[in-house]
Amino acid sequence: MAIRFLRIVNAKQALRRALMVSEASTVPKGHLAVYVGEIEKSRFVVPVSYLKHPSFQNLLSQAEEEFGFDHPMGGLTIPCSEKVFMDLTSRL
């Protein structure tokens, strides 16, 4: 049981490292940058294919309701915790 839990934790950490991108880097073709967080925002790069998934569309609808399309960060901002975002993206 402990080994399985460690695998899940390690997989989530690897996913986070893969999705998180520094501010100075560019976004690869076929991906988009999103800012995730409730107070402090972290930048993630996700495949454009996520836009078709109903769960991701739900997050985008919530972002539109809370922030609209004109946000000072200059990018798409999703108002949820990083943990929720990581859980969602790990299932897509």
Protein backbone atom coordinates (compact mmCIF):
# COMPACT_ATOMS: atom_id res chain seq x y z
CA MET A 1 0.00 0.00 0.00
CA ALA A 2 2.80 2.43 0.89
CA ILE A 3 4.62 1.72 -2.38
CA ARG A 4 1.46 2.42 -4.39
CA PHE A 5 0.93 5.69 -2.50
CA LEU A 6 4.55 6.72 -3.20
CA ARG A 7 4.08 5.97 -6.90
CA ILE A 8 1.01 8.23 -6.99
CA VAL A 9 2.83 11.02 -5.15
CA ASN A 10 5.88 10.70 -7.43
CA ALA A 11 3.68 10.63 -10.54
CA LYS A 12 1.88 13.81 -9.45
CA GLN A 13 5.20 15.53 -8.73
CA ALA A 14 6.50 14.53 -12.17
CA LEU A 15 3.32 15.80 -13.80
CA ARG A 16 3.63 19.09 -11.96
CA ARG A 17 7.24 19.53 -13.10
CA ALA A 18 6.23 18.70 -16.67
CA LEU A 19 3.32 21.16 -16.68
CA MET A 20 4.97 23.99 -14.80
CA VAL A 21 7.01 26.32 -16.98
CA SER A 22 9.10 29.33 -16.04
CA GLU A 23 7.75 32.78 -16.85
CA ALA A 24 10.49 33.52 -19.40
CA SER A 25 9.97 30.43 -21.54
CA THR A 26 7.77 30.24 -24.60
CA VAL A 27 4.74 28.05 -25.10
CA PRO A 28 5.29 25.17 -27.53
CA LYS A 29 3.04 24.80 -30.55
CA GLY A 30 -0.15 22.92 -29.68
CA HIS A 31 -0.12 24.10 -26.04
CA LEU A 32 -1.42 27.04 -24.05
CA ALA A 33 -0.29 28.73 -20.86
CA VAL A 34 -2.68 29.00 -17.93
CA TYR A 35 -2.28 30.57 -14.51
CA VAL A 36 -3.64 28.47 -11.67
CA GLY A 37 -4.13 29.33 -8.03
CA GLU A 38 -6.42 31.02 -5.60
CA ILE A 39 -4.02 33.63 -4.18
CA GLU A 40 -0.58 33.08 -5.65
CA LYS A 41 -0.70 32.02 -9.30
CA SER A 42 1.54 29.42 -10.92
CA ARG A 43 1.98 29.13 -14.66
CA PHE A 44 1.30 25.80 -16.36
CA VAL A 45 1.50 24.79 -20.00
CA VAL A 46 -1.18 22.35 -21.11
CA PRO A 47 -2.01 20.72 -24.46
CA VAL A 48 -4.71 22.42 -26.50
CA SER A 49 -6.55 19.07 -26.58
CA TYR A 50 -7.56 19.68 -22.93
CA LEU A 51 -9.94 22.38 -24.19
CA LYS A 52 -12.28 19.68 -25.52
CA HIS A 53 -12.61 17.86 -22.19
CA PRO A 54 -15.84 18.68 -20.26
CA SER A 55 -14.07 18.95 -16.89
CA PHE A 56 -11.56 21.44 -18.26
CA GLN A 57 -14.38 23.37 -19.95
CA ASN A 58 -16.10 23.61 -16.57
CA LEU A 59 -12.96 25.20 -15.09
CA LEU A 60 -12.83 27.64 -18.01
CA SER A 61 -16.48 28.61 -17.43
CA GLN A 62 -15.70 29.31 -13.78
CA ALA A 63 -12.70 31.39 -14.82
CA GLU A 64 -14.86 33.41 -17.20
CA GLU A 65 -17.45 34.07 -14.47
CA GLU A 66 -14.83 35.16 -11.94
CA PHE A 67 -12.31 37.02 -14.12
CA GLY A 68 -13.90 37.61 -17.51
CA PHE A 69 -11.55 37.67 -20.46
CA ASP A 70 -9.55 40.78 -19.52
CA HIS A 71 -7.22 39.81 -16.68
CA PRO A 72 -4.14 41.70 -15.46
CA MET A 73 -1.92 38.58 -15.57
CA GLY A 74 -2.17 38.72 -19.35
CA GLY A 75 -3.15 35.08 -19.68
CA LEU A 76 -5.88 32.59 -18.97
CA THR A 77 -6.39 32.36 -15.19
CA ILE A 78 -8.16 29.42 -13.58
CA PRO A 79 -9.50 30.10 -10.08
CA CYS A 80 -8.80 26.82 -8.32
CA SER A 81 -6.09 25.38 -6.14
CA GLU A 82 -3.05 23.85 -7.79
CA LYS A 83 -3.92 20.52 -6.17
CA VAL A 84 -7.37 20.45 -7.83
CA PHE A 85 -5.82 21.43 -11.17
CA MET A 86 -3.16 18.71 -10.88
CA ASP A 87 -5.78 16.11 -9.99
CA LEU A 88 -7.90 17.11 -12.98
CA THR A 89 -5.03 17.16 -15.48
CA SER A 90 -3.70 13.83 -14.23
CA ARG A 91 -7.07 12.27 -15.21
CA LEU A 92 -7.20 13.79 -18.71
